[in-house]
Amino acid sequence: MRTAANEIFELDKNSADGPAIMAEAALYLGKLDEAENAYIEALQIDNRNAEVYNLIGVLKLQKGDVDGAIEYIQNAINISPQAYFFETLFQIYIRKREYSKITAYEEVINKLFPKDFSLLFNLALSFKNLKNNKTKYIQVCYKLDNEETIKREFEAFSGIDDNNEKIVISLDVDNFSTD
């Protein structure tokens, strides 16, 4: 594998693409350490490649290095704050049950992704109510003070295709139930 991957890398020694391709090949073969080394090699060529930082973070998570995963994904966010990177980071915090670390990003997320990202949706999913083997999905927001916000908060459940209860919680007095 290394010989073929090296030939790919030789195409452009100034590009992180060669080592990244080597990493993907190693991942495909289940060789996580080789994949990590190839990604690190890609970073040595381009240390501002947010996607590679994120991929190393995901790889570290697969290897059980949660703190290492967080570090790399935060580096990716610092370079290029993409919704996908935040999503990955929040999933890690949910696994660790560190919900306050998610909510600490609320202002940043609302500023960067005012219409496209529901920060608290991930948090709400982590609070599934498993009592009596029933799942409840809870979306939390501050206020449902305009149609756009109402639509966004209720649409958070649009990708969930089961019959479990779905609840939006806000500080509003009015009932905005759709069922």
Foldseek 3Di string as FASTA:
>chain_A
DVVVLVVQCVVDVLALVSLCVQLVVCVVVVNLVSNLVSLVSSCVSPVLPLVSLQVNLVSCVVVVNLVSSLVSLVSSCVSPNDPVSLVVNLVSCLVVVVVVVLVVCVVVCCVVPVQNDQSCQSVQQSPFDCVVHATEGEREDADPPDPSSVCRRVCSCVVPPDDGHYYYDYPDPDDPDPD
